Amino acid sequence: MSDPYRSMASAVLSRLQADSVLASASFDGAVTGTPQGYAVFYLQRVYDYRPGSADPVAVDWTLTVHSVGEDALQARAFAERVLAQLAGWRPVLDGWRSVPLRHTTSQPADTDTTVQPAVVFCVDQFSWRSDRT
């Protein structure tokens, strides 16, 4: 089976980095360096299998993005850019046909005081389905 997980994560990262502000401030799961503001995403998947088949016929994706800033204004600005890049975007992967990403939920800005200095973050989730072609 060709697992589309890494290819989809790369596609999401490339899409975020296509934005001039997010280009050097987008991360897949782990933040490197000490950016003042950034977007970090976490990709989850659930496979659908045809009875008796070892290869999935479809994948349901959930993407969670944390937009982080020094204050609520900066965190919201990153969240707006993330939304502009991802909502309605249709990922293209060899061997898979995806529907456009749907923005499914968001959480308001909140403060993370477990890090120093404290940061403010917004959370957005997107979902979509990919079918094997």
N, C-alpha and C. Protein backbone atom coordinates (compact mmCIF):
# COMPACT_ATOMS: atom_id res chain seq x y z
N MET A 1 0.84 -1.19 0.00
CA MET A 1 0.00 0.00 0.00
C MET A 1 0.88 1.25 0.00
N SER A 2 0.47 2.20 -0.73
CA SER A 2 1.13 3.49 -0.73
C SER A 2 0.37 4.40 0.24
N ASP A 3 0.95 4.63 1.40
CA ASP A 3 0.31 5.45 2.42
C ASP A 3 0.42 6.92 2.03
N PRO A 4 -0.70 7.62 1.88
CA PRO A 4 -0.66 9.02 1.44
C PRO A 4 -0.34 10.01 2.56
N TYR A 5 -0.10 9.54 3.78
CA TYR A 5 0.06 10.44 4.92
C TYR A 5 1.19 11.45 4.74
N ARG A 6 2.39 10.97 4.43
CA ARG A 6 3.53 11.90 4.28
C ARG A 6 3.35 12.84 3.11
N SER A 7 2.79 12.31 2.01
CA SER A 7 2.55 13.16 0.84
C SER A 7 1.54 14.25 1.16
N MET A 8 0.49 13.91 1.92
CA MET A 8 -0.51 14.92 2.27
C MET A 8 0.09 15.96 3.22
N ALA A 9 0.88 15.53 4.18
CA ALA A 9 1.51 16.49 5.10
C ALA A 9 2.42 17.44 4.32
N SER A 10 3.16 16.92 3.36
CA SER A 10 4.01 17.78 2.52
C SER A 10 3.19 18.75 1.70
N ALA A 11 2.06 18.29 1.18
CA ALA A 11 1.19 19.17 0.39
C ALA A 11 0.63 20.29 1.25
N VAL A 12 0.22 19.97 2.47
CA VAL A 12 -0.31 20.99 3.38
C VAL A 12 0.78 22.01 3.71
N LEU A 13 1.97 21.53 4.04
CA LEU A 13 3.06 22.44 4.37
C LEU A 13 3.39 23.34 3.18
N SER A 14 3.45 22.79 2.00
CA SER A 14 3.73 23.58 0.80
C SER A 14 2.65 24.63 0.58
N ARG A 15 1.40 24.25 0.80
CA ARG A 15 0.29 25.20 0.62
C ARG A 15 0.42 26.36 1.61
N LEU A 16 0.70 26.06 2.87
CA LEU A 16 0.87 27.14 3.85
C LEU A 16 2.06 28.02 3.49
N GLN A 17 3.15 27.40 3.07
CA GLN A 17 4.36 28.16 2.76
C GLN A 17 4.25 28.97 1.47
N ALA A 18 3.18 28.76 0.70
CA ALA A 18 2.96 29.57 -0.50
C ALA A 18 2.55 31.00 -0.13
N ASP A 19 2.11 31.21 1.11
CA ASP A 19 1.79 32.55 1.61
C ASP A 19 3.09 33.22 2.05
N SER A 20 3.27 34.48 1.66
CA SER A 20 4.54 35.18 1.93
C SER A 20 4.85 35.29 3.43
N VAL A 21 3.84 35.47 4.26
CA VAL A 21 4.09 35.58 5.70
C VAL A 21 4.30 34.21 6.33
N LEU A 22 3.55 33.23 5.87
CA LEU A 22 3.66 31.88 6.43
C LEU A 22 4.84 31.09 5.89
N ALA A 23 5.48 31.61 4.84
CA ALA A 23 6.54 30.87 4.15
C ALA A 23 7.62 30.36 5.10
N SER A 24 8.07 31.19 6.01
CA SER A 24 9.14 30.77 6.93
C SER A 24 8.59 30.55 8.34
N ALA A 25 7.27 30.52 8.47
CA ALA A 25 6.67 30.42 9.80
C ALA A 25 5.58 29.35 9.85
N SER A 26 5.74 28.29 9.05
CA SER A 26 4.80 27.16 9.06
C SER A 26 5.56 25.90 9.40
N PHE A 27 4.95 25.08 10.26
CA PHE A 27 5.65 23.90 10.74
C PHE A 27 4.70 22.71 10.81
N ASP A 28 5.26 21.53 10.55
CA ASP A 28 4.52 20.27 10.60
C ASP A 28 4.82 19.59 11.94
N GLY A 29 4.02 19.89 12.94
CA GLY A 29 4.11 19.20 14.22
C GLY A 29 5.13 19.71 15.21
N ALA A 30 6.27 20.18 14.77
CA ALA A 30 7.30 20.65 15.69
C ALA A 30 7.85 21.97 15.18
N VAL A 31 7.94 22.94 16.08
CA VAL A 31 8.44 24.26 15.72
C VAL A 31 9.95 24.29 15.93
N THR A 32 10.66 24.79 14.93
CA THR A 32 12.11 24.92 15.05
C THR A 32 12.47 26.39 15.16
N GLY A 33 13.54 26.66 15.86
CA GLY A 33 13.95 28.04 16.07
C GLY A 33 13.04 28.73 17.08
N THR A 34 13.06 30.05 17.06
CA THR A 34 12.24 30.83 17.99
C THR A 34 11.48 31.92 17.24
N PRO A 35 10.55 31.52 16.35
CA PRO A 35 9.79 32.53 15.61
C PRO A 35 8.87 33.32 16.54
N GLN A 36 8.65 34.58 16.20
CA GLN A 36 7.75 35.41 17.02
C GLN A 36 6.29 35.05 16.78
N GLY A 37 5.98 34.58 15.61
CA GLY A 37 4.64 34.13 15.29
C GLY A 37 4.76 32.99 14.29
N TYR A 38 3.81 32.06 14.33
CA TYR A 38 3.92 30.92 13.43
C TYR A 38 2.61 30.15 13.39
N ALA A 39 2.53 29.21 12.46
CA ALA A 39 1.43 28.26 12.36
C ALA A 39 2.04 26.86 12.41
N VAL A 40 1.50 26.01 13.26
CA VAL A 40 1.96 24.63 13.36
C VAL A 40 0.74 23.74 13.18
N PHE A 41 0.89 22.69 12.36
CA PHE A 41 -0.27 21.84 12.09
C PHE A 41 -0.01 20.40 12.47
N TYR A 42 -1.15 19.71 12.69
CA TYR A 42 -1.15 18.30 13.05
C TYR A 42 -2.19 17.62 12.16
N LEU A 43 -1.77 16.59 11.44
CA LEU A 43 -2.62 15.91 10.48
C LEU A 43 -3.01 14.53 11.01
N GLN A 44 -4.31 14.24 10.97
CA GLN A 44 -4.81 12.93 11.39
C GLN A 44 -5.55 12.31 10.22
N ARG A 45 -5.59 10.96 10.19
CA ARG A 45 -6.31 10.29 9.13
C ARG A 45 -6.98 9.03 9.65
N VAL A 46 -8.09 8.70 8.98
CA VAL A 46 -8.82 7.46 9.24
C VAL A 46 -9.05 6.81 7.88
N TYR A 47 -8.60 5.58 7.75
CA TYR A 47 -8.71 4.86 6.47
C TYR A 47 -10.02 4.08 6.39
N ASP A 48 -10.57 4.02 5.18
CA ASP A 48 -11.70 3.15 4.86
C ASP A 48 -11.17 2.02 3.99
N TYR A 49 -11.54 0.81 4.33
CA TYR A 49 -11.09 -0.36 3.59
C TYR A 49 -12.29 -1.09 2.97
N ARG A 50 -12.08 -1.66 1.83
CA ARG A 50 -13.06 -2.53 1.21
C ARG A 50 -12.89 -3.90 1.88
N PRO A 51 -13.98 -4.61 2.16
CA PRO A 51 -13.85 -5.93 2.81
C PRO A 51 -12.87 -6.83 2.05
N GLY A 52 -11.94 -7.40 2.79
CA GLY A 52 -10.97 -8.32 2.21
C GLY A 52 -9.77 -7.66 1.57
N SER A 53 -9.70 -6.33 1.60
CA SER A 53 -8.59 -5.61 0.97
C SER A 53 -7.64 -5.06 2.03
N ALA A 54 -6.35 -5.13 1.74
CA ALA A 54 -5.35 -4.58 2.65
C ALA A 54 -5.06 -3.11 2.35
N ASP A 55 -5.53 -2.63 1.19
CA ASP A 55 -5.28 -1.24 0.80
C ASP A 55 -6.53 -0.39 1.03
N PRO A 56 -6.35 0.80 1.59
CA PRO A 56 -7.51 1.66 1.81
C PRO A 56 -8.08 2.17 0.49
N VAL A 57 -9.38 2.37 0.48
CA VAL A 57 -10.04 2.92 -0.70
C VAL A 57 -10.34 4.41 -0.51
N ALA A 58 -10.25 4.88 0.74
CA ALA A 58 -10.52 6.29 1.04
C ALA A 58 -9.85 6.67 2.35
N VAL A 59 -9.66 7.97 2.51
CA VAL A 59 -9.09 8.51 3.75
C VAL A 59 -9.91 9.73 4.16
N ASP A 60 -10.32 9.75 5.42
CA ASP A 60 -10.94 10.93 6.00
C ASP A 60 -9.85 11.66 6.80
N TRP A 61 -9.62 12.92 6.43
CA TRP A 61 -8.54 13.71 7.02
C TRP A 61 -9.09 14.75 8.00
N THR A 62 -8.34 15.01 9.06
CA THR A 62 -8.59 16.12 9.96
C THR A 62 -7.27 16.85 10.15
N LEU A 63 -7.30 18.14 9.93
CA LEU A 63 -6.11 18.99 10.07
C LEU A 63 -6.38 20.01 11.16
N THR A 64 -5.53 20.03 12.17
CA THR A 64 -5.63 21.00 13.26
C THR A 64 -4.45 21.94 13.15
N VAL A 65 -4.75 23.25 13.12
CA VAL A 65 -3.71 24.26 12.98
C VAL A 65 -3.75 25.20 14.18
N HIS A 66 -2.60 25.37 14.81
CA HIS A 66 -2.44 26.35 15.89
C HIS A 66 -1.72 27.56 15.31
N SER A 67 -2.38 28.70 15.34
CA SER A 67 -1.77 29.96 14.90
C SER A 67 -1.33 30.69 16.14
N VAL A 68 -0.03 30.97 16.25
CA VAL A 68 0.56 31.45 17.50
C VAL A 68 1.18 32.82 17.28
N GLY A 69 0.98 33.70 18.27
CA GLY A 69 1.58 35.02 18.20
C GLY A 69 1.94 35.53 19.57
N GLU A 70 2.61 36.67 19.57
CA GLU A 70 2.99 37.30 20.85
C GLU A 70 1.79 37.89 21.55
N ASP A 71 0.72 38.20 20.78
CA ASP A 71 -0.51 38.72 21.35
C ASP A 71 -1.68 38.23 20.50
N ALA A 72 -2.89 38.54 20.92
CA ALA A 72 -4.08 38.05 20.22
C ALA A 72 -4.16 38.59 18.79
N LEU A 73 -3.76 39.81 18.60
CA LEU A 73 -3.80 40.41 17.26
C LEU A 73 -2.91 39.64 16.28
N GLN A 74 -1.70 39.32 16.70
CA GLN A 74 -0.80 38.58 15.83
C GLN A 74 -1.29 37.15 15.61
N ALA A 75 -1.80 36.50 16.65
CA ALA A 75 -2.31 35.13 16.50
C ALA A 75 -3.48 35.11 15.52
N ARG A 76 -4.38 36.08 15.63
CA ARG A 76 -5.53 36.15 14.72
C ARG A 76 -5.08 36.44 13.29
N ALA A 77 -4.06 37.27 13.14
CA ALA A 77 -3.55 37.57 11.80
C ALA A 77 -3.00 36.31 11.14
N PHE A 78 -2.29 35.50 11.89
CA PHE A 78 -1.79 34.22 11.35
C PHE A 78 -2.97 33.31 11.03
N ALA A 79 -3.97 33.25 11.91
CA ALA A 79 -5.14 32.39 11.68
C ALA A 79 -5.88 32.81 10.41
N GLU A 80 -5.98 34.10 10.16
CA GLU A 80 -6.65 34.58 8.94
C GLU A 80 -5.89 34.13 7.69
N ARG A 81 -4.57 34.17 7.74
CA ARG A 81 -3.77 33.75 6.60
C ARG A 81 -3.89 32.24 6.37
N VAL A 82 -3.91 31.48 7.45
CA VAL A 82 -4.09 30.03 7.37
C VAL A 82 -5.44 29.73 6.72
N LEU A 83 -6.48 30.37 7.18
CA LEU A 83 -7.82 30.16 6.63
C LEU A 83 -7.86 30.49 5.14
N ALA A 84 -7.23 31.59 4.78
CA ALA A 84 -7.21 32.00 3.36
C ALA A 84 -6.49 30.97 2.50
N GLN A 85 -5.45 30.33 3.03
CA GLN A 85 -4.69 29.35 2.26
C GLN A 85 -5.40 28.00 2.16
N LEU A 86 -6.12 27.61 3.20
CA LEU A 86 -6.60 26.23 3.26
C LEU A 86 -8.09 26.04 2.95
N ALA A 87 -8.95 26.95 3.36
CA ALA A 87 -10.39 26.76 3.15
C ALA A 87 -10.68 26.69 1.65
N GLY A 88 -11.29 25.62 1.21
CA GLY A 88 -11.64 25.45 -0.18
C GLY A 88 -10.54 24.92 -1.07
N TRP A 89 -9.34 24.76 -0.53
CA TRP A 89 -8.22 24.22 -1.30
C TRP A 89 -8.42 22.72 -1.51
N ARG A 90 -8.10 22.24 -2.70
CA ARG A 90 -8.22 20.82 -3.03
C ARG A 90 -6.82 20.24 -3.21
N PRO A 91 -6.35 19.43 -2.26
CA PRO A 91 -5.02 18.82 -2.40
C PRO A 91 -4.96 17.88 -3.59
N VAL A 92 -3.80 17.82 -4.22
CA VAL A 92 -3.59 16.92 -5.35
C VAL A 92 -2.48 15.94 -4.98
N LEU A 93 -2.85 14.65 -4.93
CA LEU A 93 -1.89 13.58 -4.67
C LEU A 93 -2.06 12.52 -5.74
N ASP A 94 -0.95 11.98 -6.24
CA ASP A 94 -1.02 10.91 -7.23
C ASP A 94 -1.80 9.73 -6.66
N GLY A 95 -2.77 9.27 -7.43
CA GLY A 95 -3.54 8.09 -7.04
C GLY A 95 -4.71 8.38 -6.12
N TRP A 96 -4.95 9.66 -5.80
CA TRP A 96 -6.03 10.03 -4.90
C TRP A 96 -6.78 11.24 -5.45
N ARG A 97 -8.08 11.28 -5.21
CA ARG A 97 -8.91 12.42 -5.58
C ARG A 97 -9.49 12.98 -4.28
N SER A 98 -9.22 14.23 -4.00
CA SER A 98 -9.67 14.86 -2.76
C SER A 98 -10.76 15.89 -3.03
N VAL A 99 -11.66 16.01 -2.08
CA VAL A 99 -12.62 17.11 -2.12
C VAL A 99 -11.95 18.32 -1.47
N PRO A 100 -12.46 19.52 -1.68
CA PRO A 100 -11.85 20.71 -1.06
C PRO A 100 -11.93 20.66 0.48
N LEU A 101 -10.95 21.25 1.12
CA LEU A 101 -10.94 21.33 2.58
C LEU A 101 -12.10 22.19 3.05
N ARG A 102 -12.72 21.75 4.12
CA ARG A 102 -13.82 22.46 4.74
C ARG A 102 -13.39 22.91 6.14
N HIS A 103 -13.55 24.18 6.43
CA HIS A 103 -13.24 24.69 7.77
C HIS A 103 -14.36 24.23 8.69
N THR A 104 -14.04 23.36 9.65
CA THR A 104 -15.08 22.73 10.46
C THR A 104 -15.27 23.35 11.83
N THR A 105 -14.22 23.93 12.39
CA THR A 105 -14.37 24.55 13.71
C THR A 105 -13.18 25.44 14.01
N SER A 106 -13.38 26.31 14.96
CA SER A 106 -12.27 27.15 15.43
C SER A 106 -12.48 27.44 16.92
N GLN A 107 -11.42 27.83 17.55
CA GLN A 107 -11.47 28.24 18.95
C GLN A 107 -10.91 29.64 19.05
N PRO A 108 -11.47 30.45 19.93
CA PRO A 108 -10.98 31.83 20.06
C PRO A 108 -9.57 31.87 20.63
N ALA A 109 -8.96 33.03 20.49
CA ALA A 109 -7.60 33.22 21.02
C ALA A 109 -7.56 32.89 22.51
N ASP A 110 -6.48 32.23 22.89
CA ASP A 110 -6.27 31.86 24.29
C ASP A 110 -4.78 32.03 24.59
N THR A 111 -4.45 32.17 25.84
CA THR A 111 -3.07 32.40 26.25
C THR A 111 -2.45 31.12 26.80
N ASP A 112 -1.25 30.81 26.35
CA ASP A 112 -0.49 29.67 26.86
C ASP A 112 0.57 30.22 27.80
N THR A 113 0.37 30.03 29.08
CA THR A 113 1.32 30.53 30.08
C THR A 113 2.31 29.45 30.52
N THR A 114 2.25 28.27 29.87
CA THR A 114 3.20 27.22 30.22
C THR A 114 4.55 27.44 29.58
N VAL A 115 4.63 28.39 28.67
CA VAL A 115 5.91 28.74 28.03
C VAL A 115 6.26 30.17 28.41
N GLN A 116 7.54 30.47 28.36
CA GLN A 116 8.00 31.83 28.66
C GLN A 116 8.80 32.36 27.50
N PRO A 117 8.47 33.53 26.97
CA PRO A 117 7.32 34.32 27.39
C PRO A 117 6.02 33.67 26.93
N ALA A 118 4.94 34.01 27.61
CA ALA A 118 3.63 33.46 27.26
C ALA A 118 3.28 33.85 25.82
N VAL A 119 2.51 33.00 25.15
CA VAL A 119 2.06 33.27 23.78
C VAL A 119 0.54 33.14 23.72
N VAL A 120 -0.01 33.68 22.65
CA VAL A 120 -1.45 33.58 22.41
C VAL A 120 -1.63 32.70 21.18
N PHE A 121 -2.65 31.84 21.19
CA PHE A 121 -2.87 30.95 20.06
C PHE A 121 -4.34 30.86 19.71
N CYS A 122 -4.60 30.61 18.44
CA CYS A 122 -5.94 30.32 17.92
C CYS A 122 -5.86 28.93 17.31
N VAL A 123 -6.96 28.19 17.35
CA VAL A 123 -6.99 26.85 16.79
C VAL A 123 -8.08 26.77 15.72
N ASP A 124 -7.72 26.22 14.57
CA ASP A 124 -8.68 25.97 13.50
C ASP A 124 -8.57 24.53 13.06
N GLN A 125 -9.72 23.94 12.70
CA GLN A 125 -9.71 22.58 12.17
C GLN A 125 -10.36 22.56 10.80
N PHE A 126 -9.83 21.67 9.96
CA PHE A 126 -10.31 21.47 8.61
C PHE A 126 -10.52 19.97 8.41
N SER A 127 -11.47 19.61 7.56
CA SER A 127 -11.65 18.19 7.25
C SER A 127 -11.94 18.04 5.76
N TRP A 128 -11.62 16.84 5.26
CA TRP A 128 -11.87 16.51 3.86
C TRP A 128 -11.67 15.01 3.67
N ARG A 129 -12.05 14.56 2.50
CA ARG A 129 -11.95 13.14 2.17
C ARG A 129 -11.18 12.97 0.87
N SER A 130 -10.39 11.93 0.83
CA SER A 130 -9.67 11.55 -0.39
C SER A 130 -10.07 10.12 -0.75
N ASP A 131 -10.39 9.91 -2.03
CA ASP A 131 -10.72 8.58 -2.53
C ASP A 131 -9.63 8.11 -3.47
N ARG A 132 -9.31 6.84 -3.38
CA ARG A 132 -8.32 6.26 -4.29
C ARG A 132 -8.89 6.27 -5.70
N THR A 133 -8.04 6.64 -6.67
CA THR A 133 -8.50 6.67 -8.06
C THR A 133 -8.08 5.42 -8.79
